C-alpha atoms as a PDB file:
ATOM      1  CA  UNK A   1       0.000   0.000   0.000  1.00  0.00           C
ATOM      2  CA  UNK A   2       1.291   3.465  -0.927  1.00  0.00           C
ATOM      3  CA  UNK A   3       0.148   5.837   1.799  1.00  0.00           C
ATOM      4  CA  UNK A   4       0.510   9.623   1.907  1.00  0.00           C
ATOM      5  CA  UNK A   5      -0.285  12.523   4.220  1.00  0.00           C
ATOM      6  CA  UNK A   6      -1.968  15.457   2.459  1.00  0.00           C
ATOM      7  CA  UNK A   7      -2.483  18.963   3.862  1.00  0.00           C
ATOM      8  CA  UNK A   8      -4.420  21.751   2.138  1.00  0.00           C
ATOM      9  CA  UNK A   9      -4.757  25.411   3.191  1.00  0.00           C
ATOM     10  CA  UNK A  10      -7.072  27.800   1.316  1.00  0.00           C
ATOM     11  CA  UNK A  11      -9.398  30.740   1.985  1.00  0.00           C
ATOM     12  CA  UNK A  12     -12.741  29.167   2.870  1.00  0.00           C
ATOM     13  CA  UNK A  13     -15.440  28.739   0.233  1.00  0.00           C
ATOM     14  CA  UNK A  14     -18.123  26.198  -0.614  1.00  0.00           C
ATOM     15  CA  UNK A  15     -16.868  23.029  -2.322  1.00  0.00           C
ATOM     16  CA  UNK A  16     -13.318  22.742  -1.022  1.00  0.00           C
ATOM     17  CA  UNK A  17     -13.837  19.278   0.463  1.00  0.00           C
ATOM     18  CA  UNK A  18     -15.321  18.079  -2.826  1.00  0.00           C
ATOM     19  CA  UNK A  19     -12.331  19.509  -4.688  1.00  0.00           C
ATOM     20  CA  UNK A  20      -9.785  17.818  -2.434  1.00  0.00           C
ATOM     21  CA  UNK A  21     -11.508  14.465  -1.944  1.00  0.00           C
ATOM     22  CA  UNK A  22     -12.449  14.028  -5.611  1.00  0.00           C
ATOM     23  CA  UNK A  23      -8.875  14.802  -6.698  1.00  0.00           C
ATOM     24  CA  UNK A  24      -7.345  11.993  -4.635  1.00  0.00           C
ATOM     25  CA  UNK A  25     -10.246   9.549  -5.042  1.00  0.00           C
ATOM     26  CA  UNK A  26     -10.186   9.961  -8.836  1.00  0.00           C
ATOM     27  CA  UNK A  27      -6.519   8.915  -8.713  1.00  0.00           C
ATOM     28  CA  UNK A  28      -7.553   5.636  -7.058  1.00  0.00           C
ATOM     29  CA  UNK A  29      -6.976   6.583  -3.419  1.00  0.00           C
ATOM     30  CA  UNK A  30      -8.889   5.559  -0.360  1.00  0.00           C
ATOM     31  CA  UNK A  31      -9.083   8.316   2.256  1.00  0.00           C
ATOM     32  CA  UNK A  32      -8.323   6.550   5.528  1.00  0.00           C
ATOM     33  CA  UNK A  33      -7.711   9.471   7.918  1.00  0.00           C
ATOM     34  CA  UNK A  34      -9.274  12.918   7.989  1.00  0.00           C
ATOM     35  CA  UNK A  35      -9.447  16.135  10.042  1.00  0.00           C
ATOM     36  CA  UNK A  36     -10.718  19.516   8.824  1.00  0.00           C
ATOM     37  CA  UNK A  37     -11.454  22.937  10.310  1.00  0.00           C
ATOM     38  CA  UNK A  38     -11.911  26.598   9.423  1.00  0.00           C
ATOM     39  CA  UNK A  39      -9.995  29.255  11.358  1.00  0.00           C
ATOM     40  CA  UNK A  40     -10.507  32.988  10.805  1.00  0.00           C
ATOM     41  CA  UNK A  41     -11.856  32.379   7.309  1.00  0.00           C
ATOM     42  CA  UNK A  42      -9.171  29.882   6.290  1.00  0.00           C
ATOM     43  CA  UNK A  43      -9.986  26.253   5.578  1.00  0.00           C
ATOM     44  CA  UNK A  44      -7.452  23.575   6.405  1.00  0.00           C
ATOM     45  CA  UNK A  45      -7.583  19.820   6.071  1.00  0.00           C
ATOM     46  CA  UNK A  46      -5.136  17.032   6.784  1.00  0.00           C
ATOM     47  CA  UNK A  47      -5.867  13.579   5.487  1.00  0.00           C
ATOM     48  CA  UNK A  48      -4.157  10.290   4.854  1.00  0.00           C
ATOM     49  CA  UNK A  49      -4.673   8.443   1.599  1.00  0.00           C
ATOM     50  CA  UNK A  50      -3.764   4.954   0.452  1.00  0.00           C
ATOM     51  CA  UNK A  51      -3.210   3.988  -3.185  1.00  0.00           C
ATOM     52  CA  UNK A  52      -2.972   0.475  -4.624  1.00  0.00           C
ATOM     53  CA  UNK A  53      -0.678   1.768  -7.383  1.00  0.00           C
ATOM     54  CA  UNK A  54       2.470   3.821  -6.726  1.00  0.00           C
ATOM     55  CA  UNK A  55       1.967   7.599  -6.971  1.00  0.00           C
ATOM     56  CA  UNK A  56       4.473  10.381  -6.546  1.00  0.00           C
ATOM     57  CA  UNK A  57       3.741  13.105  -3.978  1.00  0.00           C
ATOM     58  CA  UNK A  58       4.099  15.689  -6.765  1.00  0.00           C
ATOM     59  CA  UNK A  59       1.482  13.987  -8.977  1.00  0.00           C
ATOM     60  CA  UNK A  60      -0.984  13.935  -6.064  1.00  0.00           C
ATOM     61  CA  UNK A  61      -0.265  17.589  -5.303  1.00  0.00           C
ATOM     62  CA  UNK A  62      -0.693  18.624  -8.938  1.00  0.00           C
ATOM     63  CA  UNK A  63      -3.980  16.736  -9.267  1.00  0.00           C
ATOM     64  CA  UNK A  64      -5.390  18.509  -6.191  1.00  0.00           C
ATOM     65  CA  UNK A  65      -4.212  21.923  -7.427  1.00  0.00           C
ATOM     66  CA  UNK A  66      -6.080  21.412 -10.735  1.00  0.00           C
ATOM     67  CA  UNK A  67      -9.303  21.956  -8.754  1.00  0.00           C
ATOM     68  CA  UNK A  68      -8.166  25.386  -7.514  1.00  0.00           C
ATOM     69  CA  UNK A  69      -7.378  28.719  -9.089  1.00  0.00           C
ATOM     70  CA  UNK A  70      -3.794  29.925  -9.571  1.00  0.00           C
ATOM     71  CA  UNK A  71      -2.154  30.555  -6.187  1.00  0.00           C
ATOM     72  CA  UNK A  72      -5.493  29.807  -4.419  1.00  0.00           C
ATOM     73  CA  UNK A  73      -4.337  26.828  -2.335  1.00  0.00           C
ATOM     74  CA  UNK A  74      -1.225  25.604  -0.570  1.00  0.00           C
ATOM     75  CA  UNK A  75      -0.887  21.820  -0.785  1.00  0.00           C
ATOM     76  CA  UNK A  76       1.701  19.618   0.906  1.00  0.00           C
ATOM     77  CA  UNK A  77       1.951  15.883   0.186  1.00  0.00           C
ATOM     78  CA  UNK A  78       4.445  13.584   1.832  1.00  0.00           C
ATOM     79  CA  UNK A  79       4.817   9.838   2.226  1.00  0.00           C
ATOM     80  CA  UNK A  80       3.217   8.449   5.369  1.00  0.00           C
ATOM     81  CA  UNK A  81       5.973   7.352   7.740  1.00  0.00           C
ATOM     82  CA  UNK A  82       4.732   4.288   9.622  1.00  0.00           C
ATOM     83  CA  UNK A  83       7.629   4.601  12.047  1.00  0.00           C
ATOM     84  CA  UNK A  84       6.416   8.107  12.975  1.00  0.00           C
ATOM     85  CA  UNK A  85       3.252   6.600  14.449  1.00  0.00           C
ATOM     86  CA  UNK A  86       5.443   4.435  16.668  1.00  0.00           C
ATOM     87  CA  UNK A  87       7.098   7.618  17.965  1.00  0.00           C
ATOM     88  CA  UNK A  88       3.906   9.035  19.485  1.00  0.00           C
ATOM     89  CA  UNK A  89       5.413  10.929  22.401  1.00  0.00           C
ATOM     90  CA  UNK A  90       2.894  10.226  25.172  1.00  0.00           C
ATOM     91  CA  UNK A  91       1.181   7.142  26.469  1.00  0.00           C
ATOM     92  CA  UNK A  92      -1.177   8.257  29.173  1.00  0.00           C
ATOM     93  CA  UNK A  93      -4.635   9.380  30.109  1.00  0.00           C
ATOM     94  CA  UNK A  94      -6.599  11.873  28.024  1.00  0.00           C
ATOM     95  CA  UNK A  95      -7.691  15.131  29.621  1.00  0.00           C
ATOM     96  CA  UNK A  96      -9.783  18.055  28.438  1.00  0.00           C
ATOM     97  CA  UNK A  97      -8.311  21.529  29.001  1.00  0.00           C
ATOM     98  CA  UNK A  98     -10.373  24.711  29.157  1.00  0.00           C
ATOM     99  CA  UNK A  99      -8.937  28.200  29.471  1.00  0.00           C
ATOM    100  CA  UNK A 100     -11.105  31.350  29.446  1.00  0.00           C
ATOM    101  CA  UNK A 101     -10.571  35.048  29.975  1.00  0.00           C
ATOM    102  CA  UNK A 102      -9.674  38.282  28.253  1.00  0.00           C
ATOM    103  CA  UNK A 103      -7.563  37.698  25.144  1.00  0.00           C
ATOM    104  CA  UNK A 104      -3.948  38.861  25.285  1.00  0.00           C
ATOM    105  CA  UNK A 105      -0.656  37.969  23.605  1.00  0.00           C
ATOM    106  CA  UNK A 106       1.239  34.997  25.025  1.00  0.00           C
ATOM    107  CA  UNK A 107      -1.594  32.740  26.176  1.00  0.00           C
ATOM    108  CA  UNK A 108      -0.834  29.893  23.748  1.00  0.00           C
ATOM    109  CA  UNK A 109       2.919  30.338  24.247  1.00  0.00           C
ATOM    110  CA  UNK A 110       2.435  29.940  28.006  1.00  0.00           C
ATOM    111  CA  UNK A 111       0.126  26.934  27.681  1.00  0.00           C
ATOM    112  CA  UNK A 112       2.172  25.079  25.082  1.00  0.00           C
ATOM    113  CA  UNK A 113       5.439  25.844  26.866  1.00  0.00           C
ATOM    114  CA  UNK A 114       4.107  24.362  30.099  1.00  0.00           C
ATOM    115  CA  UNK A 115       2.800  21.244  28.353  1.00  0.00           C
ATOM    116  CA  UNK A 116       6.032  20.708  26.412  1.00  0.00           C
ATOM    117  CA  UNK A 117       8.150  21.072  29.562  1.00  0.00           C
ATOM    118  CA  UNK A 118       5.978  18.444  31.317  1.00  0.00           C
ATOM    119  CA  UNK A 119       5.974  16.035  28.364  1.00  0.00           C
ATOM    120  CA  UNK A 120       2.211  16.489  27.865  1.00  0.00           C
ATOM    121  CA  UNK A 121       1.110  15.986  24.252  1.00  0.00           C
ATOM    122  CA  UNK A 122      -1.479  18.364  22.761  1.00  0.00           C
ATOM    123  CA  UNK A 123      -3.694  16.223  20.516  1.00  0.00           C
ATOM    124  CA  UNK A 124      -6.397  18.723  19.599  1.00  0.00           C
ATOM    125  CA  UNK A 125      -6.893  22.432  20.301  1.00  0.00           C
ATOM    126  CA  UNK A 126      -9.650  24.898  19.488  1.00  0.00           C
ATOM    127  CA  UNK A 127      -9.740  28.651  20.175  1.00  0.00           C
ATOM    128  CA  UNK A 128     -12.906  30.746  20.015  1.00  0.00           C
ATOM    129  CA  UNK A 129     -13.020  34.533  20.259  1.00  0.00           C
ATOM    130  CA  UNK A 130     -15.984  36.515  21.579  1.00  0.00           C
ATOM    131  CA  UNK A 131     -15.331  40.244  21.563  1.00  0.00           C
ATOM    132  CA  UNK A 132     -12.274  40.746  23.746  1.00  0.00           C
ATOM    133  CA  UNK A 133     -12.638  37.346  25.415  1.00  0.00           C
ATOM    134  CA  UNK A 134     -11.162  34.036  24.371  1.00  0.00           C
ATOM    135  CA  UNK A 135     -11.964  30.390  25.113  1.00  0.00           C
ATOM    136  CA  UNK A 136      -9.455  27.584  24.583  1.00  0.00           C
ATOM    137  CA  UNK A 137     -10.605  23.986  24.564  1.00  0.00           C
ATOM    138  CA  UNK A 138      -8.067  21.243  24.074  1.00  0.00           C
ATOM    139  CA  UNK A 139      -7.418  17.561  24.417  1.00  0.00           C
ATOM    140  CA  UNK A 140      -4.100  16.442  25.860  1.00  0.00           C
ATOM    141  CA  UNK A 141      -2.413  13.183  26.835  1.00  0.00           C
ATOM    142  CA  UNK A 142      -0.829  13.330  30.271  1.00  0.00           C
ATOM    143  CA  UNK A 143       1.926  10.777  30.980  1.00  0.00           C
ATOM    144  CA  UNK A 144       0.980   8.318  33.714  1.00  0.00           C
ATOM    145  CA  UNK A 145       4.155   9.149  35.647  1.00  0.00           C
ATOM    146  CA  UNK A 146       2.937  12.713  36.324  1.00  0.00           C
ATOM    147  CA  UNK A 147       0.887  13.579  39.398  1.00  0.00           C
ATOM    148  CA  UNK A 148      -2.276  14.969  37.785  1.00  0.00           C
ATOM    149  CA  UNK A 149      -3.266  16.937  40.882  1.00  0.00           C
ATOM    150  CA  UNK A 150       0.102  18.710  40.808  1.00  0.00           C
ATOM    151  CA  UNK A 151      -0.248  19.356  37.052  1.00  0.00           C
ATOM    152  CA  UNK A 152      -3.745  20.804  37.571  1.00  0.00           C
ATOM    153  CA  UNK A 153      -2.562  23.075  40.406  1.00  0.00           C
ATOM    154  CA  UNK A 154       0.528  24.287  38.533  1.00  0.00           C
ATOM    155  CA  UNK A 155      -1.492  24.941  35.397  1.00  0.00           C
ATOM    156  CA  UNK A 156      -4.161  26.910  37.257  1.00  0.00           C
ATOM    157  CA  UNK A 157      -1.490  28.955  39.053  1.00  0.00           C
ATOM    158  CA  UNK A 158       0.341  29.658  35.786  1.00  0.00           C
ATOM    159  CA  UNK A 159      -2.818  30.817  33.978  1.00  0.00           C
ATOM    160  CA  UNK A 160      -4.251  32.733  36.926  1.00  0.00           C
ATOM    161  CA  UNK A 161      -1.126  34.937  36.732  1.00  0.00           C
ATOM    162  CA  UNK A 162      -2.499  35.943  33.291  1.00  0.00           C
ATOM    163  CA  UNK A 163      -6.000  36.488  34.744  1.00  0.00           C
ATOM    164  CA  UNK A 164      -7.266  33.356  32.994  1.00  0.00           C
ATOM    165  CA  UNK A 165      -9.550  30.635  34.397  1.00  0.00           C
ATOM    166  CA  UNK A 166      -8.264  27.167  33.572  1.00  0.00           C
ATOM    167  CA  UNK A 167      -9.177  23.554  34.177  1.00  0.00           C
ATOM    168  CA  UNK A 168      -7.709  20.177  33.292  1.00  0.00           C
ATOM    169  CA  UNK A 169     -10.330  17.431  33.658  1.00  0.00           C
ATOM    170  CA  UNK A 170     -10.252  13.738  32.787  1.00  0.00           C
ATOM    171  CA  UNK A 171     -12.185  12.924  29.616  1.00  0.00           C
ATOM    172  CA  UNK A 172     -14.454  10.556  31.578  1.00  0.00           C
ATOM    173  CA  UNK A 173     -16.111  13.564  33.256  1.00  0.00           C
ATOM    174  CA  UNK A 174     -17.339  14.683  29.840  1.00  0.00           C
ATOM    175  CA  UNK A 175     -18.335  11.180  28.785  1.00  0.00           C
ATOM    176  CA  UNK A 176     -20.368  10.680  31.952  1.00  0.00           C
ATOM    177  CA  UNK A 177     -22.149  14.038  31.672  1.00  0.00           C
ATOM    178  CA  UNK A 178     -22.748  14.087  27.918  1.00  0.00           C
ATOM    179  CA  UNK A 179     -23.491  10.523  26.838  1.00  0.00           C
ATOM    180  CA  UNK A 180     -26.686   8.635  27.436  1.00  0.00           C
ATOM    181  CA  UNK A 181     -26.379   5.275  29.143  1.00  0.00           C
ATOM    182  CA  UNK A 182     -25.174   3.578  32.256  1.00  0.00           C
ATOM    183  CA  UNK A 183     -22.156   5.402  33.681  1.00  0.00           C
ATOM    184  CA  UNK A 184     -20.164   2.202  34.163  1.00  0.00           C
ATOM    185  CA  UNK A 185     -20.723   1.105  30.575  1.00  0.00           C
ATOM    186  CA  UNK A 186     -19.840   4.544  29.189  1.00  0.00           C
ATOM    187  CA  UNK A 187     -16.609   4.792  31.171  1.00  0.00           C
ATOM    188  CA  UNK A 188     -15.537   1.236  30.297  1.00  0.00           C
ATOM    189  CA  UNK A 189     -16.200   1.778  26.607  1.00  0.00           C
ATOM    190  CA  UNK A 190     -19.433  -0.211  26.492  1.00  0.00           C
ATOM    191  CA  UNK A 191     -18.047  -3.382  28.041  1.00  0.00           C
END
């Protein structure tokens, strides 16, 4: 199997997903991984594709760009590195992070610096602006060797110095409060 990672960045408009997915599918690819979002009017997608026949990254890139105007999109295609998946930096529990307050420079630098220094992997992050306020919601993997209570206290102290409210909560809190069913079954994954 010839697998590739594809990333596309373009000013948002209707039909971008069609343009990207049809370009790789028409080349004989199966899309087997996918994440897409729009930030401040810019669309971005990252996907993994698998081809039965060998394809060059440049031919995939060129086929995608045919569906866009000149200089409309930035497209990066690279071979999928199976060994990179084995280098996932954190094996641990998943936590949900929320940070709210008045927006100011340095919030993300502070958050990501703290997490990197602790060996905490940021897996997903979303920022929403409302007037002068900002809300960060993220998903992180916290290594089992860390004391989560200490991490929570340090994080709150760090962000309170920036006048921000912050919480790090285990993902099971959100599963138990947002999914319908028996709590035990939800938390054990339906077992």
